[in-house]
Amino acid sequence: MNFIDDLIREGHSVAAFELSGHYVNLNDVASLEAAQDAAIRRRLENDG
């Protein structure tokens, strides 16, 4: 069983939705830091 099953059993609504853009799987501190760095780089590129 996983947390989605638990949410459904507790009566919460669970639905799928389409994502666009970039996805980063945040499993640990290192991946969070990498995502933050990527977001900063993207902002700097877009701001010129």
C-alpha atoms as a PDB file:
ATOM      1  CA  MET A   1       0.000   0.000   0.000  1.00  0.00           C
ATOM      2  CA  ASN A   2       1.113   3.581  -0.532  1.00  0.00           C
ATOM      3  CA  PHE A   3       0.121   7.059   0.520  1.00  0.00           C
ATOM      4  CA  ILE A   4      -2.310   7.493  -2.403  1.00  0.00           C
ATOM      5  CA  ASP A   5      -4.230   4.411  -1.273  1.00  0.00           C
ATOM      6  CA  ASP A   6      -4.289   5.838   2.250  1.00  0.00           C
ATOM      7  CA  LEU A   7      -5.681   9.156   1.001  1.00  0.00           C
ATOM      8  CA  ILE A   8      -8.451   7.417  -0.930  1.00  0.00           C
ATOM      9  CA  ARG A   9      -9.357   5.218   2.031  1.00  0.00           C
ATOM     10  CA  GLU A  10      -9.545   8.329   4.238  1.00  0.00           C
ATOM     11  CA  GLY A  11     -12.053   9.875   1.823  1.00  0.00           C
ATOM     12  CA  HIS A  12      -9.797  12.402   0.091  1.00  0.00           C
ATOM     13  CA  SER A  13     -10.230  13.140  -3.600  1.00  0.00           C
ATOM     14  CA  VAL A  14      -7.363  11.951  -5.743  1.00  0.00           C
ATOM     15  CA  ALA A  15      -7.106  12.821  -9.431  1.00  0.00           C
ATOM     16  CA  ALA A  16      -4.583  12.891 -12.247  1.00  0.00           C
ATOM     17  CA  PHE A  17      -3.657  15.997 -14.189  1.00  0.00           C
ATOM     18  CA  GLU A  18      -1.408  16.736 -17.131  1.00  0.00           C
ATOM     19  CA  LEU A  19       1.879  18.489 -16.474  1.00  0.00           C
ATOM     20  CA  SER A  20       3.874  20.563 -18.897  1.00  0.00           C
ATOM     21  CA  GLY A  21       7.356  21.968 -18.614  1.00  0.00           C
ATOM     22  CA  HIS A  22      10.165  20.388 -16.630  1.00  0.00           C
ATOM     23  CA  TYR A  23       9.785  17.825 -13.878  1.00  0.00           C
ATOM     24  CA  VAL A  24      12.279  17.141 -11.110  1.00  0.00           C
ATOM     25  CA  ASN A  25      11.823  14.203  -8.766  1.00  0.00           C
ATOM     26  CA  LEU A  26      12.667  15.435  -5.264  1.00  0.00           C
ATOM     27  CA  ASN A  27      13.781  12.376  -3.323  1.00  0.00           C
ATOM     28  CA  ASP A  28      16.508  13.850  -1.188  1.00  0.00           C
ATOM     29  CA  VAL A  29      18.325  17.043  -0.243  1.00  0.00           C
ATOM     30  CA  ALA A  30      20.724  16.788  -3.181  1.00  0.00           C
ATOM     31  CA  SER A  31      17.873  16.643  -5.714  1.00  0.00           C
ATOM     32  CA  LEU A  32      16.151  19.588  -4.000  1.00  0.00           C
ATOM     33  CA  GLU A  33      19.355  21.629  -4.226  1.00  0.00           C
ATOM     34  CA  ALA A  34      19.783  20.670  -7.891  1.00  0.00           C
ATOM     35  CA  ALA A  35      16.206  21.796  -8.611  1.00  0.00           C
ATOM     36  CA  GLN A  36      16.799  25.104  -6.834  1.00  0.00           C
ATOM     37  CA  ASP A  37      20.001  25.665  -8.844  1.00  0.00           C
ATOM     38  CA  ALA A  38      18.169  24.869 -12.097  1.00  0.00           C
ATOM     39  CA  ALA A  39      15.363  27.305 -11.208  1.00  0.00           C
ATOM     40  CA  ILE A  40      17.867  30.067 -10.446  1.00  0.00           C
ATOM     41  CA  ARG A  41      19.735  29.440 -13.719  1.00  0.00           C
ATOM     42  CA  ARG A  42      16.481  29.527 -15.692  1.00  0.00           C
ATOM     43  CA  ARG A  43      15.430  32.815 -14.054  1.00  0.00           C
ATOM     44  CA  LEU A  44      18.812  34.369 -14.803  1.00  0.00           C
ATOM     45  CA  GLU A  45      18.612  33.224 -18.448  1.00  0.00           C
ATOM     46  CA  ASN A  46      15.094  34.655 -18.838  1.00  0.00           C
ATOM     47  CA  ASP A  47      15.922  37.955 -17.117  1.00  0.00           C
ATOM     48  CA  GLY A  48      18.827  38.555 -19.468  1.00  0.00           C
END
